[in-house]
C-alpha atoms as a PDB file:
ATOM      1  CA  MET A   1       7.231  -5.890   3.458  1.00  0.00           C
ATOM      2  CA  ILE A   2       8.133  -5.126  -0.124  1.00  0.00           C
ATOM      3  CA  LYS A   3       5.413  -2.204  -1.699  1.00  0.00           C
ATOM      4  CA  VAL A   4       2.499  -3.445  -4.099  1.00  0.00           C
ATOM      5  CA  ARG A   5       1.208  -1.495  -6.389  1.00  0.00           C
ATOM      6  CA  PHE A   6      -2.167  -2.971  -9.028  1.00  0.00           C
ATOM      7  CA  LEU A   7      -2.186  -2.421 -12.910  1.00  0.00           C
ATOM      8  CA  GLU A   8      -5.350  -0.211 -13.264  1.00  0.00           C
ATOM      9  CA  GLU A   9      -6.727  -3.466 -15.416  1.00  0.00           C
ATOM     10  CA  ALA A  10      -5.902  -5.524 -12.311  1.00  0.00           C
ATOM     11  CA  ASP A  11      -7.565  -2.813  -9.812  1.00  0.00           C
ATOM     12  CA  ILE A  12     -10.671  -3.202 -12.095  1.00  0.00           C
ATOM     13  CA  GLU A  13     -10.706  -6.797 -13.005  1.00  0.00           C
ATOM     14  CA  LEU A  14     -10.851  -7.643  -8.387  1.00  0.00           C
ATOM     15  CA  SER A  15     -13.743  -5.141  -8.363  1.00  0.00           C
ATOM     16  CA  LYS A  16     -15.949  -5.978 -10.566  1.00  0.00           C
ATOM     17  CA  ALA A  17     -15.086 -10.086  -9.394  1.00  0.00           C
ATOM     18  CA  VAL A  18     -16.061  -8.574  -6.097  1.00  0.00           C
ATOM     19  CA  ASP A  19     -19.454  -6.975  -7.416  1.00  0.00           C
ATOM     20  CA  TYR A  20     -19.811 -10.282  -9.965  1.00  0.00           C
ATOM     21  CA  TYR A  21     -20.415 -12.839  -6.907  1.00  0.00           C
ATOM     22  CA  GLU A  22     -22.061  -9.993  -4.103  1.00  0.00           C
ATOM     23  CA  HIS A  23     -24.678 -10.687  -6.951  1.00  0.00           C
ATOM     24  CA  ILE A  24     -24.353 -13.881  -6.131  1.00  0.00           C
ATOM     25  CA  TYR A  25     -24.412 -14.152  -2.483  1.00  0.00           C
ATOM     26  CA  LEU A  26     -24.526 -11.890  -0.788  1.00  0.00           C
ATOM     27  CA  GLY A  27     -21.461 -11.906   1.290  1.00  0.00           C
ATOM     28  CA  LEU A  28     -19.396 -13.460  -1.190  1.00  0.00           C
ATOM     29  CA  GLY A  29     -17.619 -10.802  -3.108  1.00  0.00           C
ATOM     30  CA  LEU A  30     -16.814  -9.834  -0.018  1.00  0.00           C
ATOM     31  CA  ASP A  31     -14.993 -12.718   0.909  1.00  0.00           C
ATOM     32  CA  PHE A  32     -13.462 -13.311  -2.317  1.00  0.00           C
ATOM     33  CA  GLU A  33     -11.663  -9.539  -1.629  1.00  0.00           C
ATOM     34  CA  GLN A  34     -10.690 -11.041   1.464  1.00  0.00           C
ATOM     35  CA  GLU A  35      -8.582 -14.493  -0.506  1.00  0.00           C
ATOM     36  CA  VAL A  36      -7.560 -12.013  -3.291  1.00  0.00           C
ATOM     37  CA  LYS A  37      -5.389  -9.188  -0.149  1.00  0.00           C
ATOM     38  CA  GLY A  38      -4.745 -11.848   1.906  1.00  0.00           C
ATOM     39  CA  ASN A  39      -2.483 -13.597  -0.404  1.00  0.00           C
ATOM     40  CA  VAL A  40      -0.942 -10.315  -1.905  1.00  0.00           C
ATOM     41  CA  PHE A  41       0.158  -9.929   1.634  1.00  0.00           C
ATOM     42  CA  LYS A  42       1.362 -13.612   1.238  1.00  0.00           C
ATOM     43  CA  ILE A  43       2.967 -12.365  -1.822  1.00  0.00           C
ATOM     44  CA  ALA A  44       4.424  -9.518  -0.675  1.00  0.00           C
ATOM     45  CA  GLU A  45       6.429 -11.264   2.535  1.00  0.00           C
ATOM     46  CA  ASN A  46       7.832 -13.403   0.227  1.00  0.00           C
ATOM     47  CA  PRO A  47       7.609 -12.467  -3.972  1.00  0.00           C
ATOM     48  CA  GLU A  48      10.315 -14.841  -5.161  1.00  0.00           C
ATOM     49  CA  LEU A  49       8.308 -17.968  -3.578  1.00  0.00           C
ATOM     50  CA  TRP A  50       6.650 -18.535  -6.548  1.00  0.00           C
ATOM     51  CA  PRO A  51       8.465 -19.887  -9.665  1.00  0.00           C
ATOM     52  CA  LEU A  52       9.246 -16.939 -12.511  1.00  0.00           C
ATOM     53  CA  ARG A  53       7.851 -17.096 -15.660  1.00  0.00           C
ATOM     54  CA  ASP A  54       9.810 -16.561 -18.828  1.00  0.00           C
ATOM     55  CA  ASP A  55       7.408 -13.423 -19.275  1.00  0.00           C
ATOM     56  CA  GLY A  56       8.917 -12.106 -16.323  1.00  0.00           C
ATOM     57  CA  THR A  57       5.796 -13.002 -14.480  1.00  0.00           C
ATOM     58  CA  ARG A  58       4.834 -15.212 -10.708  1.00  0.00           C
ATOM     59  CA  ARG A  59       1.690 -16.162 -11.135  1.00  0.00           C
ATOM     60  CA  PHE A  60      -0.521 -17.423  -7.526  1.00  0.00           C
ATOM     61  CA  SER A  61      -3.551 -19.724  -7.785  1.00  0.00           C
ATOM     62  CA  THR A  62      -6.459 -19.221  -5.241  1.00  0.00           C
ATOM     63  CA  LYS A  63      -8.065 -21.602  -2.906  1.00  0.00           C
ATOM     64  CA  ARG A  64     -11.540 -20.651  -2.651  1.00  0.00           C
ATOM     65  CA  PHE A  65     -12.348 -19.322  -6.412  1.00  0.00           C
ATOM     66  CA  PRO A  66     -10.656 -19.888  -9.610  1.00  0.00           C
ATOM     67  CA  TYR A  67      -8.334 -17.310  -9.642  1.00  0.00           C
ATOM     68  CA  ARG A  68      -4.839 -16.565  -9.931  1.00  0.00           C
ATOM     69  CA  ILE A  69      -2.468 -13.157  -8.850  1.00  0.00           C
ATOM     70  CA  VAL A  70      -0.493 -12.851 -12.283  1.00  0.00           C
ATOM     71  CA  TYR A  71       2.060 -10.304 -10.904  1.00  0.00           C
ATOM     72  CA  LEU A  72       5.754  -9.628 -10.892  1.00  0.00           C
ATOM     73  CA  LEU A  73       8.602  -7.519  -9.367  1.00  0.00           C
ATOM     74  CA  HIS A  74       9.883  -4.552 -11.163  1.00  0.00           C
ATOM     75  CA  GLU A  75      12.093  -1.213  -9.098  1.00  0.00           C
ATOM     76  CA  ASP A  76      11.313  -2.703  -5.922  1.00  0.00           C
ATOM     77  CA  VAL A  77       7.806  -3.017  -6.155  1.00  0.00           C
ATOM     78  CA  ILE A  78       4.922  -5.870  -6.753  1.00  0.00           C
ATOM     79  CA  TRP A  79       3.497  -4.683  -9.603  1.00  0.00           C
ATOM     80  CA  ILE A  80      -0.476  -6.864 -10.207  1.00  0.00           C
ATOM     81  CA  VAL A  81      -0.907  -7.557 -13.140  1.00  0.00           C
ATOM     82  CA  ALA A  82      -3.883  -9.190 -13.376  1.00  0.00           C
ATOM     83  CA  VAL A  83      -7.045 -10.665 -10.901  1.00  0.00           C
ATOM     84  CA  ALA A  84      -7.506 -13.085 -13.938  1.00  0.00           C
ATOM     85  CA  HIS A  85     -10.311 -16.485 -13.795  1.00  0.00           C
ATOM     86  CA  HIS A  86      -9.194 -19.462 -15.210  1.00  0.00           C
ATOM     87  CA  LYS A  87     -10.605 -20.729 -17.633  1.00  0.00           C
ATOM     88  CA  ARG A  88     -10.510 -16.882 -19.418  1.00  0.00           C
ATOM     89  CA  PHE A  89      -8.842 -16.261 -22.487  1.00  0.00           C
ATOM     90  CA  PRO A  90      -5.258 -17.466 -21.069  1.00  0.00           C
ATOM     91  CA  GLU A  91      -2.840 -14.783 -21.292  1.00  0.00           C
ATOM     92  CA  TYR A  92      -5.148 -11.994 -22.250  1.00  0.00           C
ATOM     93  CA  TRP A  93      -3.002 -10.040 -20.071  1.00  0.00           C
ATOM     94  CA  LYS A  94       0.276  -9.920 -21.428  1.00  0.00           C
ATOM     95  CA  GLU A  95       0.202  -6.423 -23.546  1.00  0.00           C
ATOM     96  CA  ARG A  96      -0.180  -4.682 -19.286  1.00  0.00           C
ATOM     97  CA  LEU A  97       3.768  -5.897 -19.039  1.00  0.00           C
ATOM     98  CA  LYS A  98       4.047  -3.679 -22.435  1.00  0.00           C
ATOM     99  CA  SER A  99       2.266  -0.619 -22.192  1.00  0.00           C
ATOM    100  CA  GLU A 100       0.313   0.100 -18.378  1.00  0.00           C
ATOM    101  CA  LEU A 101       3.608  -1.434 -16.460  1.00  0.00           C
ATOM    102  CA  THR A 102       5.570   1.758 -18.303  1.00  0.00           C
ATOM    103  CA  ASP A 103       3.189   3.946 -17.854  1.00  0.00           C
ATOM    104  CA  SER A 104       2.410   3.151 -13.801  1.00  0.00           C
ATOM    105  CA  ARG A 105       5.852   4.405 -12.844  1.00  0.00           C
END
């Protein structure tokens, strides 16, 4: 299976969302985290299954929670660029493609 890495900001987004849901209802944050990690596993099994966008990313939407996992393949690694809420400003994470990814190698 291909290696998966989270950009630091994507990892922070995941942690904040877990904390938010855990605050709403005990255990809900852990459910969210399990769903995201399970979906990341699915992505790692077949990363090219989801359509390639013009910016080089692919997106996987969670089923239970209103989030999408934005990722790209770069040098045989799946980079999780964002764990983005559907209602957040669209494509706010695009700058990460230029700055953090090149710094994270």
